[in-house]
Amino acid sequence: MIDHYFRIDIQGGKRPEMTDAICEYVMAHPDRVELQADGRRRYFRAVPEFGGRSVRVITLEDGETVHNAFLDRRAKR
């Protein structure tokens, strides 16, 4: 599932390369998952389409609704 903010602001403007397929891949095959204090989840995965760079996908509390996704510059290769 994709929330309204992600569909309009992220995919529709800031980061159109963060497709539904990329987000689904990261969530289905994470290198690691972190739980935030507010209940949201962070999924991390190195993605071949981005030269092996790590993508972070943040979901709402349900763990399924994508709220944000971006190349994680702080991730170690």
N, C-alpha and C. Protein backbone atom coordinates (compact mmCIF):
# COMPACT_ATOMS: atom_id res chain seq x y z
N MET A 1 0.83 -1.18 0.00
CA MET A 1 0.00 0.00 0.00
C MET A 1 0.88 1.25 0.00
N ILE A 2 0.41 2.29 -0.62
CA ILE A 2 1.15 3.55 -0.72
C ILE A 2 0.28 4.66 -0.13
N ASP A 3 0.86 5.48 0.76
CA ASP A 3 0.05 6.57 1.30
C ASP A 3 0.07 7.77 0.35
N HIS A 4 -0.86 8.67 0.58
CA HIS A 4 -1.06 9.83 -0.29
C HIS A 4 0.20 10.70 -0.40
N TYR A 5 0.83 10.99 0.72
CA TYR A 5 2.06 11.80 0.72
C TYR A 5 3.11 11.19 -0.19
N PHE A 6 3.33 9.88 -0.06
CA PHE A 6 4.36 9.23 -0.87
C PHE A 6 4.02 9.32 -2.35
N ARG A 7 2.80 9.01 -2.70
CA ARG A 7 2.38 9.02 -4.11
C ARG A 7 2.54 10.40 -4.73
N ILE A 8 2.11 11.45 -4.04
CA ILE A 8 2.11 12.80 -4.60
C ILE A 8 3.47 13.50 -4.47
N ASP A 9 3.99 13.58 -3.25
CA ASP A 9 5.21 14.36 -3.02
C ASP A 9 6.50 13.63 -3.39
N ILE A 10 6.56 12.35 -3.12
CA ILE A 10 7.80 11.62 -3.38
C ILE A 10 7.84 11.09 -4.81
N GLN A 11 6.92 10.21 -5.16
CA GLN A 11 6.93 9.66 -6.52
C GLN A 11 6.57 10.71 -7.56
N GLY A 12 5.73 11.64 -7.21
CA GLY A 12 5.28 12.65 -8.15
C GLY A 12 6.19 13.86 -8.25
N GLY A 13 7.24 13.89 -7.46
CA GLY A 13 8.09 15.07 -7.49
C GLY A 13 9.54 14.81 -7.11
N LYS A 14 9.80 14.64 -5.84
CA LYS A 14 11.16 14.58 -5.33
C LYS A 14 11.97 13.38 -5.82
N ARG A 15 11.38 12.18 -5.79
CA ARG A 15 12.12 10.97 -6.14
C ARG A 15 11.27 10.00 -6.97
N PRO A 16 11.01 10.35 -8.22
CA PRO A 16 10.16 9.47 -9.05
C PRO A 16 10.78 8.10 -9.31
N GLU A 17 12.09 7.96 -9.09
CA GLU A 17 12.75 6.68 -9.31
C GLU A 17 12.39 5.65 -8.24
N MET A 18 11.76 6.09 -7.15
CA MET A 18 11.34 5.18 -6.08
C MET A 18 9.97 4.60 -6.43
N THR A 19 10.00 3.63 -7.30
CA THR A 19 8.77 3.02 -7.81
C THR A 19 8.14 2.08 -6.78
N ASP A 20 6.90 1.71 -7.04
CA ASP A 20 6.22 0.74 -6.19
C ASP A 20 7.03 -0.57 -6.16
N ALA A 21 7.55 -0.97 -7.31
CA ALA A 21 8.29 -2.22 -7.40
C ALA A 21 9.55 -2.20 -6.54
N ILE A 22 10.27 -1.09 -6.54
CA ILE A 22 11.48 -0.96 -5.71
C ILE A 22 11.09 -1.08 -4.24
N CYS A 23 10.06 -0.35 -3.83
CA CYS A 23 9.62 -0.40 -2.43
C CYS A 23 9.20 -1.80 -2.03
N GLU A 24 8.45 -2.47 -2.88
CA GLU A 24 8.00 -3.83 -2.59
C GLU A 24 9.19 -4.79 -2.46
N TYR A 25 10.19 -4.62 -3.32
CA TYR A 25 11.39 -5.45 -3.28
C TYR A 25 12.12 -5.27 -1.95
N VAL A 26 12.32 -4.01 -1.55
CA VAL A 26 13.03 -3.72 -0.30
C VAL A 26 12.28 -4.31 0.90
N MET A 27 10.96 -4.15 0.90
CA MET A 27 10.17 -4.65 2.02
C MET A 27 10.10 -6.19 2.05
N ALA A 28 10.12 -6.82 0.90
CA ALA A 28 10.04 -8.27 0.83
C ALA A 28 11.38 -8.95 1.13
N HIS A 29 12.48 -8.24 0.87
CA HIS A 29 13.82 -8.81 1.02
C HIS A 29 14.76 -7.86 1.76
N PRO A 30 14.41 -7.42 2.95
CA PRO A 30 15.26 -6.43 3.62
C PRO A 30 16.58 -7.02 4.12
N ASP A 31 17.63 -6.19 4.08
CA ASP A 31 18.89 -6.56 4.73
C ASP A 31 18.71 -6.42 6.24
N ARG A 32 17.90 -5.43 6.63
CA ARG A 32 17.56 -5.26 8.04
C ARG A 32 16.30 -4.42 8.17
N VAL A 33 15.65 -4.53 9.32
CA VAL A 33 14.44 -3.78 9.63
C VAL A 33 14.63 -3.16 11.00
N GLU A 34 14.26 -1.88 11.13
CA GLU A 34 14.33 -1.19 12.41
C GLU A 34 12.95 -0.65 12.76
N LEU A 35 12.62 -0.69 14.04
CA LEU A 35 11.37 -0.13 14.53
C LEU A 35 11.67 1.25 15.12
N GLN A 36 10.96 2.27 14.64
CA GLN A 36 11.13 3.62 15.16
C GLN A 36 10.32 3.77 16.44
N ALA A 37 10.63 4.78 17.23
CA ALA A 37 9.93 5.04 18.49
C ALA A 37 8.44 5.31 18.26
N ASP A 38 8.08 5.86 17.11
CA ASP A 38 6.68 6.18 16.82
C ASP A 38 5.91 4.99 16.22
N GLY A 39 6.55 3.83 16.13
CA GLY A 39 5.89 2.63 15.62
C GLY A 39 6.10 2.38 14.14
N ARG A 40 6.64 3.34 13.44
CA ARG A 40 6.92 3.13 12.01
C ARG A 40 8.11 2.20 11.87
N ARG A 41 8.23 1.60 10.68
CA ARG A 41 9.32 0.67 10.42
C ARG A 41 10.20 1.18 9.30
N ARG A 42 11.48 0.89 9.42
CA ARG A 42 12.46 1.23 8.38
C ARG A 42 12.98 -0.08 7.81
N TYR A 43 12.88 -0.21 6.50
CA TYR A 43 13.40 -1.37 5.78
C TYR A 43 14.60 -0.91 4.97
N PHE A 44 15.68 -1.66 5.03
CA PHE A 44 16.91 -1.32 4.31
C PHE A 44 17.27 -2.45 3.38
N ARG A 45 17.73 -2.09 2.17
CA ARG A 45 18.16 -3.12 1.21
C ARG A 45 19.06 -2.49 0.15
N ALA A 46 20.16 -3.16 -0.16
CA ALA A 46 20.99 -2.76 -1.31
C ALA A 46 20.23 -3.17 -2.57
N VAL A 47 20.10 -2.23 -3.51
CA VAL A 47 19.27 -2.46 -4.69
C VAL A 47 20.14 -2.38 -5.95
N PRO A 48 20.14 -3.45 -6.77
CA PRO A 48 20.96 -3.48 -7.98
C PRO A 48 20.68 -2.32 -8.94
N GLU A 49 19.43 -1.90 -9.06
CA GLU A 49 19.08 -0.82 -9.98
C GLU A 49 19.75 0.51 -9.63
N PHE A 50 20.22 0.63 -8.39
CA PHE A 50 20.91 1.84 -7.96
C PHE A 50 22.37 1.56 -7.69
N GLY A 51 22.94 0.64 -8.45
CA GLY A 51 24.36 0.34 -8.33
C GLY A 51 24.73 -0.29 -7.00
N GLY A 52 23.78 -0.98 -6.39
CA GLY A 52 24.04 -1.63 -5.12
C GLY A 52 23.93 -0.71 -3.91
N ARG A 53 23.54 0.52 -4.15
CA ARG A 53 23.35 1.46 -3.03
C ARG A 53 22.13 1.05 -2.23
N SER A 54 22.14 1.42 -0.96
CA SER A 54 21.07 1.03 -0.05
C SER A 54 19.87 1.97 -0.16
N VAL A 55 18.69 1.36 -0.19
CA VAL A 55 17.43 2.11 -0.20
C VAL A 55 16.78 1.91 1.17
N ARG A 56 16.26 3.00 1.72
CA ARG A 56 15.49 2.93 2.96
C ARG A 56 14.03 3.19 2.63
N VAL A 57 13.16 2.29 3.06
CA VAL A 57 11.72 2.44 2.90
C VAL A 57 11.12 2.56 4.30
N ILE A 58 10.34 3.61 4.53
CA ILE A 58 9.70 3.82 5.81
C ILE A 58 8.21 3.59 5.65
N THR A 59 7.67 2.74 6.53
CA THR A 59 6.24 2.45 6.49
C THR A 59 5.55 3.06 7.70
N LEU A 60 4.25 3.18 7.59
CA LEU A 60 3.45 3.60 8.73
C LEU A 60 3.43 2.46 9.75
N GLU A 61 2.74 2.65 10.84
CA GLU A 61 2.72 1.69 11.94
C GLU A 61 2.25 0.30 11.53
N ASP A 62 1.47 0.21 10.47
CA ASP A 62 0.97 -1.10 10.04
C ASP A 62 2.05 -1.97 9.38
N GLY A 63 3.20 -1.38 9.09
CA GLY A 63 4.30 -2.12 8.48
C GLY A 63 4.12 -2.42 7.02
N GLU A 64 3.05 -1.90 6.40
CA GLU A 64 2.76 -2.18 4.99
C GLU A 64 2.57 -0.93 4.15
N THR A 65 2.10 0.15 4.74
CA THR A 65 1.82 1.37 3.99
C THR A 65 3.08 2.21 3.86
N VAL A 66 3.58 2.36 2.63
CA VAL A 66 4.82 3.10 2.39
C VAL A 66 4.57 4.59 2.57
N HIS A 67 5.39 5.20 3.41
CA HIS A 67 5.30 6.64 3.67
C HIS A 67 6.45 7.40 3.02
N ASN A 68 7.62 6.78 2.93
CA ASN A 68 8.78 7.45 2.35
C ASN A 68 9.78 6.41 1.86
N ALA A 69 10.61 6.79 0.91
CA ALA A 69 11.68 5.93 0.41
C ALA A 69 12.75 6.80 -0.21
N PHE A 70 14.01 6.42 0.02
CA PHE A 70 15.11 7.22 -0.51
C PHE A 70 16.40 6.42 -0.47
N LEU A 71 17.39 6.88 -1.23
CA LEU A 71 18.72 6.30 -1.15
C LEU A 71 19.31 6.70 0.19
N ASP A 72 19.78 5.73 0.94
CA ASP A 72 20.28 5.98 2.28
C ASP A 72 21.77 6.30 2.22
N ARG A 73 22.10 7.55 2.29
CA ARG A 73 23.50 7.99 2.18
C ARG A 73 24.33 7.59 3.38
N ARG A 74 23.68 7.34 4.52
CA ARG A 74 24.42 6.94 5.73
C ARG A 74 24.71 5.45 5.79
N ALA A 75 24.10 4.68 4.91
CA ALA A 75 24.31 3.22 4.93
C ALA A 75 25.73 2.88 4.49
N LYS A 76 26.31 1.91 5.17
CA LYS A 76 27.65 1.46 4.80
C LYS A 76 27.53 0.38 3.74
N ARG A 77 28.42 0.44 2.78
CA ARG A 77 28.41 -0.56 1.71
C ARG A 77 29.10 -1.82 2.15
